[in-house]
Amino acid sequence: MATNNTLANLRDRVNRLIELQGEDSPCAAFIFTNEDVFTWSEDGGDQLPVDREVAFEVLNSIEDDYDYLYTEIFDCIDRELRERGLVDS
């Protein structure tokens, strides 16, 4: 899978996919941005944003350290196809 280090990189990748597959092509996406990387205040009431550099490191580590998530997603796709009788068990 390609790393999308910025929203601009993601936009470029999406634009290439649209060129190749058409804008009506089905898709699923899980997008996390720096707004999703935060800590909580000590009382648990407020979300505290982290530095943008920390957000980059955290989000990039997801692809580097948690690549099994891609395997899980492809397993889900396979299961869905099997349930529809499109793949032999």
N, C-alpha and C. Protein backbone atom coordinates (compact mmCIF):
# COMPACT_ATOMS: atom_id res chain seq x y z
N MET A 1 0.84 -1.18 0.00
CA MET A 1 0.00 0.00 0.00
C MET A 1 0.89 1.25 0.00
N ALA A 2 0.40 2.27 -0.65
CA ALA A 2 1.17 3.50 -0.74
C ALA A 2 0.97 4.34 0.51
N THR A 3 2.04 4.96 0.94
CA THR A 3 1.96 5.85 2.08
C THR A 3 1.43 7.20 1.61
N ASN A 4 0.49 7.72 2.35
CA ASN A 4 -0.02 9.07 2.10
C ASN A 4 0.41 9.94 3.26
N ASN A 5 1.53 10.64 3.09
CA ASN A 5 2.06 11.43 4.19
C ASN A 5 1.33 12.74 4.40
N THR A 6 0.62 13.21 3.40
CA THR A 6 -0.14 14.44 3.53
C THR A 6 -1.47 14.29 2.80
N LEU A 7 -2.39 15.18 3.10
CA LEU A 7 -3.66 15.15 2.38
C LEU A 7 -3.45 15.44 0.90
N ALA A 8 -2.45 16.26 0.56
CA ALA A 8 -2.15 16.53 -0.85
C ALA A 8 -1.70 15.25 -1.55
N ASN A 9 -0.86 14.44 -0.88
CA ASN A 9 -0.44 13.16 -1.47
C ASN A 9 -1.64 12.24 -1.65
N LEU A 10 -2.53 12.22 -0.68
CA LEU A 10 -3.73 11.40 -0.78
C LEU A 10 -4.60 11.86 -1.95
N ARG A 11 -4.77 13.16 -2.08
CA ARG A 11 -5.56 13.70 -3.19
C ARG A 11 -4.97 13.26 -4.53
N ASP A 12 -3.64 13.33 -4.67
CA ASP A 12 -3.00 12.93 -5.92
C ASP A 12 -3.24 11.45 -6.21
N ARG A 13 -3.14 10.63 -5.17
CA ARG A 13 -3.38 9.19 -5.34
C ARG A 13 -4.83 8.93 -5.74
N VAL A 14 -5.75 9.61 -5.09
CA VAL A 14 -7.17 9.45 -5.43
C VAL A 14 -7.43 9.91 -6.86
N ASN A 15 -6.84 11.01 -7.26
CA ASN A 15 -7.02 11.49 -8.64
C ASN A 15 -6.49 10.47 -9.65
N ARG A 16 -5.36 9.82 -9.35
CA ARG A 16 -4.84 8.78 -10.25
C ARG A 16 -5.78 7.57 -10.30
N LEU A 17 -6.32 7.20 -9.14
CA LEU A 17 -7.28 6.09 -9.12
C LEU A 17 -8.53 6.42 -9.93
N ILE A 18 -8.99 7.65 -9.85
CA ILE A 18 -10.16 8.07 -10.63
C ILE A 18 -9.84 7.98 -12.12
N GLU A 19 -8.65 8.43 -12.51
CA GLU A 19 -8.26 8.34 -13.92
C GLU A 19 -8.24 6.89 -14.41
N LEU A 20 -7.75 5.99 -13.57
CA LEU A 20 -7.63 4.58 -13.95
C LEU A 20 -8.95 3.82 -13.88
N GLN A 21 -9.77 4.10 -12.87
CA GLN A 21 -10.94 3.28 -12.61
C GLN A 21 -12.27 3.99 -12.83
N GLY A 22 -12.23 5.30 -12.96
CA GLY A 22 -13.45 6.09 -13.13
C GLY A 22 -13.97 6.60 -11.80
N GLU A 23 -14.64 7.75 -11.86
CA GLU A 23 -15.06 8.38 -10.61
C GLU A 23 -16.22 7.66 -9.93
N ASP A 24 -16.88 6.74 -10.62
CA ASP A 24 -17.97 5.99 -10.01
C ASP A 24 -17.52 4.62 -9.50
N SER A 25 -16.22 4.37 -9.50
CA SER A 25 -15.70 3.09 -9.03
C SER A 25 -15.95 2.95 -7.52
N PRO A 26 -16.43 1.78 -7.07
CA PRO A 26 -16.65 1.60 -5.63
C PRO A 26 -15.34 1.62 -4.86
N CYS A 27 -15.40 2.07 -3.62
CA CYS A 27 -14.20 2.08 -2.79
C CYS A 27 -14.60 2.10 -1.32
N ALA A 28 -13.65 1.82 -0.48
CA ALA A 28 -13.78 1.98 0.96
C ALA A 28 -12.51 2.65 1.44
N ALA A 29 -12.61 3.51 2.41
CA ALA A 29 -11.43 4.23 2.87
C ALA A 29 -11.50 4.46 4.37
N PHE A 30 -10.36 4.41 4.97
CA PHE A 30 -10.19 4.75 6.37
C PHE A 30 -9.12 5.83 6.41
N ILE A 31 -9.51 7.04 6.71
CA ILE A 31 -8.58 8.16 6.66
C ILE A 31 -8.43 8.74 8.07
N PHE A 32 -7.20 8.83 8.48
CA PHE A 32 -6.88 9.44 9.76
C PHE A 32 -5.99 10.65 9.48
N THR A 33 -6.26 11.74 10.15
CA THR A 33 -5.46 12.96 9.98
C THR A 33 -4.91 13.39 11.33
N ASN A 34 -4.17 14.48 11.33
CA ASN A 34 -3.60 14.97 12.58
C ASN A 34 -4.69 15.27 13.61
N GLU A 35 -5.92 15.55 13.18
CA GLU A 35 -7.00 15.78 14.14
C GLU A 35 -7.37 14.53 14.93
N ASP A 36 -7.01 13.36 14.41
CA ASP A 36 -7.30 12.10 15.09
C ASP A 36 -6.21 11.69 16.07
N VAL A 37 -5.13 12.42 16.09
CA VAL A 37 -4.00 12.10 16.97
C VAL A 37 -3.98 13.14 18.09
N PHE A 38 -4.44 12.71 19.24
CA PHE A 38 -4.54 13.64 20.37
C PHE A 38 -4.41 12.88 21.67
N THR A 39 -4.21 13.63 22.73
CA THR A 39 -4.24 13.07 24.08
C THR A 39 -5.42 13.70 24.80
N TRP A 40 -5.67 13.24 26.01
CA TRP A 40 -6.78 13.78 26.80
C TRP A 40 -6.22 14.59 27.97
N SER A 41 -6.96 15.61 28.36
CA SER A 41 -6.59 16.38 29.54
C SER A 41 -6.66 15.45 30.76
N GLU A 42 -6.02 15.86 31.84
CA GLU A 42 -5.97 15.00 33.02
C GLU A 42 -7.35 14.64 33.54
N ASP A 43 -8.31 15.54 33.40
CA ASP A 43 -9.67 15.24 33.89
C ASP A 43 -10.48 14.46 32.85
N GLY A 44 -9.87 14.22 31.68
CA GLY A 44 -10.53 13.45 30.63
C GLY A 44 -11.60 14.20 29.88
N GLY A 45 -11.69 15.48 30.09
CA GLY A 45 -12.75 16.26 29.46
C GLY A 45 -12.40 16.90 28.14
N ASP A 46 -11.13 17.12 27.89
CA ASP A 46 -10.73 17.83 26.68
C ASP A 46 -9.72 17.02 25.88
N GLN A 47 -9.89 17.08 24.55
CA GLN A 47 -8.90 16.51 23.66
C GLN A 47 -7.79 17.54 23.48
N LEU A 48 -6.57 17.08 23.59
CA LEU A 48 -5.42 17.97 23.44
C LEU A 48 -4.65 17.57 22.18
N PRO A 49 -4.58 18.46 21.21
CA PRO A 49 -3.86 18.12 19.98
C PRO A 49 -2.38 17.95 20.26
N VAL A 50 -1.76 17.08 19.47
CA VAL A 50 -0.31 16.91 19.56
C VAL A 50 0.35 17.72 18.45
N ASP A 51 1.64 17.92 18.60
CA ASP A 51 2.42 18.62 17.58
C ASP A 51 2.29 17.89 16.25
N ARG A 52 2.25 18.63 15.16
CA ARG A 52 2.09 18.05 13.82
C ARG A 52 3.17 17.01 13.52
N GLU A 53 4.40 17.26 13.95
CA GLU A 53 5.49 16.30 13.72
C GLU A 53 5.19 14.98 14.43
N VAL A 54 4.66 15.05 15.65
CA VAL A 54 4.29 13.84 16.38
C VAL A 54 3.17 13.12 15.64
N ALA A 55 2.19 13.86 15.14
CA ALA A 55 1.10 13.25 14.39
C ALA A 55 1.64 12.52 13.15
N PHE A 56 2.58 13.13 12.43
CA PHE A 56 3.22 12.47 11.28
C PHE A 56 3.85 11.15 11.72
N GLU A 57 4.62 11.19 12.80
CA GLU A 57 5.30 9.98 13.27
C GLU A 57 4.30 8.89 13.64
N VAL A 58 3.27 9.26 14.37
CA VAL A 58 2.27 8.28 14.81
C VAL A 58 1.55 7.68 13.61
N LEU A 59 1.08 8.53 12.71
CA LEU A 59 0.33 8.03 11.56
C LEU A 59 1.20 7.20 10.62
N ASN A 60 2.46 7.58 10.45
CA ASN A 60 3.36 6.79 9.61
C ASN A 60 3.69 5.45 10.25
N SER A 61 3.73 5.41 11.58
CA SER A 61 4.04 4.14 12.24
C SER A 61 2.91 3.14 12.06
N ILE A 62 1.70 3.60 11.81
CA ILE A 62 0.59 2.68 11.57
C ILE A 62 0.91 1.80 10.37
N GLU A 63 1.37 2.41 9.29
CA GLU A 63 1.69 1.62 8.10
C GLU A 63 2.93 0.76 8.32
N ASP A 64 3.90 1.29 9.04
CA ASP A 64 5.14 0.55 9.25
C ASP A 64 4.99 -0.59 10.25
N ASP A 65 4.28 -0.34 11.34
CA ASP A 65 4.24 -1.29 12.44
C ASP A 65 2.95 -2.12 12.52
N TYR A 66 1.93 -1.72 11.80
CA TYR A 66 0.64 -2.40 11.91
C TYR A 66 0.12 -2.84 10.55
N ASP A 67 1.03 -3.34 9.70
CA ASP A 67 0.63 -3.74 8.36
C ASP A 67 -0.31 -4.93 8.36
N TYR A 68 -0.45 -5.62 9.50
CA TYR A 68 -1.40 -6.72 9.59
C TYR A 68 -2.84 -6.22 9.40
N LEU A 69 -3.05 -4.93 9.60
CA LEU A 69 -4.39 -4.37 9.38
C LEU A 69 -4.81 -4.55 7.92
N TYR A 70 -3.86 -4.41 6.99
CA TYR A 70 -4.18 -4.63 5.58
C TYR A 70 -4.60 -6.08 5.34
N THR A 71 -3.90 -7.00 5.99
CA THR A 71 -4.26 -8.42 5.87
C THR A 71 -5.67 -8.65 6.38
N GLU A 72 -6.01 -8.04 7.49
CA GLU A 72 -7.36 -8.18 8.04
C GLU A 72 -8.42 -7.65 7.07
N ILE A 73 -8.15 -6.52 6.45
CA ILE A 73 -9.11 -5.95 5.50
C ILE A 73 -9.28 -6.87 4.30
N PHE A 74 -8.16 -7.40 3.76
CA PHE A 74 -8.27 -8.31 2.63
C PHE A 74 -8.97 -9.61 3.02
N ASP A 75 -8.79 -10.06 4.26
CA ASP A 75 -9.52 -11.23 4.75
C ASP A 75 -11.02 -10.94 4.80
N CYS A 76 -11.38 -9.75 5.21
CA CYS A 76 -12.80 -9.36 5.22
C CYS A 76 -13.38 -9.35 3.81
N ILE A 77 -12.63 -8.82 2.86
CA ILE A 77 -13.09 -8.82 1.47
C ILE A 77 -13.28 -10.25 0.99
N ASP A 78 -12.33 -11.11 1.30
CA ASP A 78 -12.42 -12.51 0.89
C ASP A 78 -13.66 -13.17 1.52
N ARG A 79 -13.89 -12.94 2.80
CA ARG A 79 -15.07 -13.50 3.47
C ARG A 79 -16.36 -13.04 2.82
N GLU A 80 -16.43 -11.76 2.51
CA GLU A 80 -17.63 -11.21 1.87
C GLU A 80 -17.87 -11.86 0.50
N LEU A 81 -16.78 -12.06 -0.26
CA LEU A 81 -16.91 -12.72 -1.56
C LEU A 81 -17.35 -14.17 -1.41
N ARG A 82 -16.82 -14.86 -0.41
CA ARG A 82 -17.22 -16.25 -0.15
C ARG A 82 -18.70 -16.32 0.21
N GLU A 83 -19.17 -15.40 1.05
CA GLU A 83 -20.58 -15.38 1.44
C GLU A 83 -21.49 -15.18 0.24
N ARG A 84 -20.98 -14.54 -0.78
CA ARG A 84 -21.75 -14.30 -1.99
C ARG A 84 -21.55 -15.41 -3.03
N GLY A 85 -20.77 -16.43 -2.65
CA GLY A 85 -20.53 -17.56 -3.53
C GLY A 85 -19.61 -17.25 -4.70
N LEU A 86 -18.81 -16.20 -4.58
CA LEU A 86 -17.93 -15.78 -5.68
C LEU A 86 -16.52 -16.35 -5.56
N VAL A 87 -16.21 -16.96 -4.41
CA VAL A 87 -14.90 -17.55 -4.17
C VAL A 87 -15.15 -18.90 -3.53
N ASP A 88 -14.44 -19.93 -3.99
CA ASP A 88 -14.57 -21.25 -3.39
C ASP A 88 -14.01 -21.26 -1.98
N SER A 89 -14.65 -22.02 -1.12
CA SER A 89 -14.19 -22.09 0.29
C SER A 89 -12.94 -22.86 0.46
